[in-house]
Amino acid sequence: MDIDPEWKMWVLRKAFDDDQKPYLPKHILYRQKEQFSDGVGYSWIDGLKDHANKQVTDSMLMNAAFSHSDHKRRILL
């Protein structure tokens, strides 16, 4: 069943909008869509980057077996 894109979010939200047994609080159910970093906060993103930098070194990336060496250059530059 295809749903008109203009109606898709309305149908989805309506399916979860149950006053008797709410699946989600209304302020979450009807909030505007946000970019990932806006939704979780920049401090969380920065923490994730710091953790990744501690786990994966530049040397590890240079020696990784990527199928395309061009991909390595784009990551490191």
N, C-alpha and C. Protein backbone atom coordinates (compact mmCIF):
# COMPACT_ATOMS: atom_id res chain seq x y z
N MET A 1 0.84 -1.18 0.00
CA MET A 1 0.00 0.00 0.00
C MET A 1 0.89 1.24 0.00
N ASP A 2 0.73 2.07 -0.99
CA ASP A 2 1.47 3.33 -1.05
C ASP A 2 0.67 4.43 -0.37
N ILE A 3 1.38 5.22 0.42
CA ILE A 3 0.76 6.35 1.11
C ILE A 3 1.35 7.63 0.54
N ASP A 4 0.49 8.58 0.27
CA ASP A 4 0.93 9.88 -0.22
C ASP A 4 1.94 10.45 0.78
N PRO A 5 3.13 10.89 0.31
CA PRO A 5 4.15 11.41 1.23
C PRO A 5 3.64 12.52 2.15
N GLU A 6 2.68 13.30 1.69
CA GLU A 6 2.15 14.37 2.54
C GLU A 6 1.37 13.81 3.72
N TRP A 7 0.85 12.60 3.59
CA TRP A 7 0.05 11.99 4.65
C TRP A 7 0.84 10.99 5.50
N LYS A 8 2.02 10.61 5.04
CA LYS A 8 2.77 9.54 5.69
C LYS A 8 3.04 9.81 7.17
N MET A 9 3.57 10.97 7.51
CA MET A 9 3.87 11.27 8.92
C MET A 9 2.60 11.36 9.75
N TRP A 10 1.55 11.91 9.18
CA TRP A 10 0.30 12.02 9.91
C TRP A 10 -0.23 10.63 10.26
N VAL A 11 -0.20 9.72 9.29
CA VAL A 11 -0.69 8.35 9.52
C VAL A 11 0.17 7.66 10.58
N LEU A 12 1.48 7.79 10.48
CA LEU A 12 2.38 7.17 11.44
C LEU A 12 2.15 7.70 12.85
N ARG A 13 2.07 9.02 12.97
CA ARG A 13 1.84 9.61 14.29
C ARG A 13 0.48 9.22 14.85
N LYS A 14 -0.53 9.20 14.00
CA LYS A 14 -1.88 8.84 14.44
C LYS A 14 -1.90 7.40 14.96
N ALA A 15 -1.13 6.52 14.34
CA ALA A 15 -1.07 5.12 14.77
C ALA A 15 -0.50 4.99 16.18
N PHE A 16 0.38 5.89 16.58
CA PHE A 16 0.99 5.84 17.90
C PHE A 16 0.31 6.76 18.91
N ASP A 17 -0.66 7.53 18.47
CA ASP A 17 -1.35 8.49 19.34
C ASP A 17 -2.55 7.82 20.01
N ASP A 18 -2.31 7.25 21.17
CA ASP A 18 -3.35 6.53 21.92
C ASP A 18 -3.42 7.12 23.33
N ASP A 19 -4.52 7.81 23.64
CA ASP A 19 -4.65 8.43 24.96
C ASP A 19 -4.77 7.41 26.08
N GLN A 20 -5.34 6.25 25.80
CA GLN A 20 -5.52 5.22 26.83
C GLN A 20 -4.20 4.56 27.22
N LYS A 21 -3.41 4.17 26.22
CA LYS A 21 -2.11 3.54 26.46
C LYS A 21 -1.09 4.21 25.54
N PRO A 22 -0.59 5.38 25.92
CA PRO A 22 0.33 6.11 25.03
C PRO A 22 1.66 5.36 24.84
N TYR A 23 2.07 5.25 23.59
CA TYR A 23 3.36 4.64 23.27
C TYR A 23 4.50 5.62 23.51
N LEU A 24 4.24 6.88 23.20
CA LEU A 24 5.22 7.95 23.37
C LEU A 24 4.53 9.17 23.95
N PRO A 25 5.25 9.98 24.73
CA PRO A 25 4.67 11.24 25.18
C PRO A 25 4.35 12.13 23.98
N LYS A 26 3.29 12.91 24.07
CA LYS A 26 2.86 13.75 22.94
C LYS A 26 3.94 14.72 22.49
N HIS A 27 4.74 15.26 23.44
CA HIS A 27 5.77 16.22 23.04
C HIS A 27 6.86 15.55 22.19
N ILE A 28 7.02 14.26 22.31
CA ILE A 28 7.97 13.54 21.46
C ILE A 28 7.30 13.11 20.16
N LEU A 29 6.09 12.60 20.27
CA LEU A 29 5.36 12.11 19.10
C LEU A 29 5.15 13.19 18.05
N TYR A 30 4.90 14.42 18.48
CA TYR A 30 4.59 15.49 17.54
C TYR A 30 5.70 16.51 17.37
N ARG A 31 6.91 16.19 17.83
CA ARG A 31 7.98 17.16 17.66
C ARG A 31 8.49 17.16 16.23
N GLN A 32 9.12 18.24 15.88
CA GLN A 32 9.67 18.43 14.54
C GLN A 32 10.88 17.52 14.35
N LYS A 33 11.07 17.03 13.14
CA LYS A 33 12.22 16.19 12.83
C LYS A 33 13.49 17.05 12.90
N GLU A 34 14.53 16.49 13.53
CA GLU A 34 15.78 17.22 13.68
C GLU A 34 16.94 16.41 13.13
N GLN A 35 18.04 17.11 12.86
CA GLN A 35 19.26 16.41 12.48
C GLN A 35 19.73 15.61 13.69
N PHE A 36 20.49 14.55 13.44
CA PHE A 36 20.94 13.68 14.52
C PHE A 36 21.66 14.46 15.61
N SER A 37 22.60 15.33 15.23
CA SER A 37 23.38 16.06 16.23
C SER A 37 22.51 17.01 17.05
N ASP A 38 21.46 17.57 16.44
CA ASP A 38 20.57 18.46 17.18
C ASP A 38 19.74 17.68 18.19
N GLY A 39 19.35 16.47 17.82
CA GLY A 39 18.49 15.67 18.68
C GLY A 39 19.19 15.12 19.91
N VAL A 40 20.47 14.73 19.77
CA VAL A 40 21.18 14.13 20.90
C VAL A 40 22.10 15.11 21.60
N GLY A 41 22.42 16.20 20.98
CA GLY A 41 23.29 17.20 21.59
C GLY A 41 24.73 17.05 21.13
N TYR A 42 25.39 18.18 20.99
CA TYR A 42 26.76 18.17 20.48
C TYR A 42 27.73 17.55 21.47
N SER A 43 27.48 17.64 22.76
CA SER A 43 28.41 17.04 23.73
C SER A 43 28.46 15.53 23.55
N TRP A 44 27.34 14.92 23.21
CA TRP A 44 27.31 13.48 22.99
C TRP A 44 28.11 13.14 21.73
N ILE A 45 27.95 13.94 20.68
CA ILE A 45 28.68 13.72 19.43
C ILE A 45 30.18 13.89 19.67
N ASP A 46 30.56 14.95 20.41
CA ASP A 46 31.98 15.17 20.70
C ASP A 46 32.56 14.02 21.51
N GLY A 47 31.80 13.51 22.46
CA GLY A 47 32.25 12.36 23.25
C GLY A 47 32.44 11.13 22.39
N LEU A 48 31.55 10.93 21.44
CA LEU A 48 31.65 9.80 20.52
C LEU A 48 32.90 9.92 19.64
N LYS A 49 33.18 11.14 19.16
CA LYS A 49 34.38 11.37 18.35
C LYS A 49 35.64 11.10 19.16
N ASP A 50 35.67 11.60 20.41
CA ASP A 50 36.83 11.38 21.27
C ASP A 50 37.07 9.89 21.50
N HIS A 51 36.00 9.16 21.76
CA HIS A 51 36.11 7.72 21.99
C HIS A 51 36.65 7.02 20.73
N ALA A 52 36.13 7.39 19.56
CA ALA A 52 36.59 6.79 18.31
C ALA A 52 38.06 7.10 18.07
N ASN A 53 38.48 8.33 18.35
CA ASN A 53 39.89 8.69 18.17
C ASN A 53 40.81 7.92 19.09
N LYS A 54 40.35 7.56 20.28
CA LYS A 54 41.16 6.76 21.20
C LYS A 54 41.24 5.30 20.76
N GLN A 55 40.19 4.82 20.10
CA GLN A 55 40.12 3.42 19.70
C GLN A 55 40.81 3.14 18.36
N VAL A 56 40.80 4.12 17.45
CA VAL A 56 41.34 3.93 16.10
C VAL A 56 42.37 5.02 15.81
N THR A 57 43.60 4.61 15.60
CA THR A 57 44.67 5.58 15.33
C THR A 57 44.79 5.82 13.82
N ASP A 58 45.51 6.89 13.46
CA ASP A 58 45.77 7.17 12.05
C ASP A 58 46.55 6.02 11.41
N SER A 59 47.48 5.45 12.18
CA SER A 59 48.26 4.32 11.68
C SER A 59 47.36 3.12 11.37
N MET A 60 46.39 2.87 12.23
CA MET A 60 45.45 1.77 11.98
C MET A 60 44.67 2.02 10.70
N LEU A 61 44.26 3.25 10.48
CA LEU A 61 43.52 3.57 9.26
C LEU A 61 44.40 3.42 8.01
N MET A 62 45.66 3.87 8.11
CA MET A 62 46.56 3.77 6.96
C MET A 62 46.82 2.32 6.57
N ASN A 63 46.84 1.43 7.55
CA ASN A 63 47.13 0.02 7.29
C ASN A 63 45.88 -0.83 7.11
N ALA A 64 44.73 -0.22 7.18
CA ALA A 64 43.47 -0.98 7.03
C ALA A 64 43.31 -1.44 5.59
N ALA A 65 42.65 -2.56 5.43
CA ALA A 65 42.47 -3.15 4.10
C ALA A 65 41.18 -2.65 3.46
N PHE A 66 41.18 -1.39 3.04
CA PHE A 66 40.03 -0.86 2.31
C PHE A 66 40.11 -1.34 0.87
N SER A 67 38.99 -1.51 0.25
CA SER A 67 38.99 -1.94 -1.14
C SER A 67 39.43 -0.80 -2.07
N HIS A 68 39.32 0.43 -1.63
CA HIS A 68 39.72 1.58 -2.44
C HIS A 68 40.66 2.46 -1.62
N SER A 69 41.91 2.58 -2.07
CA SER A 69 42.87 3.39 -1.32
C SER A 69 42.46 4.86 -1.29
N ASP A 70 41.69 5.29 -2.27
CA ASP A 70 41.21 6.67 -2.31
C ASP A 70 40.34 6.97 -1.09
N HIS A 71 39.63 5.96 -0.62
CA HIS A 71 38.77 6.10 0.56
C HIS A 71 39.61 6.47 1.79
N LYS A 72 40.79 5.85 1.93
CA LYS A 72 41.67 6.15 3.06
C LYS A 72 42.09 7.62 3.04
N ARG A 73 42.46 8.09 1.85
CA ARG A 73 42.90 9.48 1.75
C ARG A 73 41.81 10.45 2.15
N ARG A 74 40.57 10.16 1.75
CA ARG A 74 39.47 11.06 2.09
C ARG A 74 39.21 11.07 3.59
N ILE A 75 39.38 9.95 4.26
CA ILE A 75 39.17 9.89 5.71
C ILE A 75 40.24 10.69 6.43
N LEU A 76 41.48 10.56 5.99
CA LEU A 76 42.59 11.17 6.71
C LEU A 76 42.84 12.62 6.34
N LEU A 77 42.32 13.07 5.22
CA LEU A 77 42.56 14.47 4.82
C LEU A 77 41.48 15.38 5.26
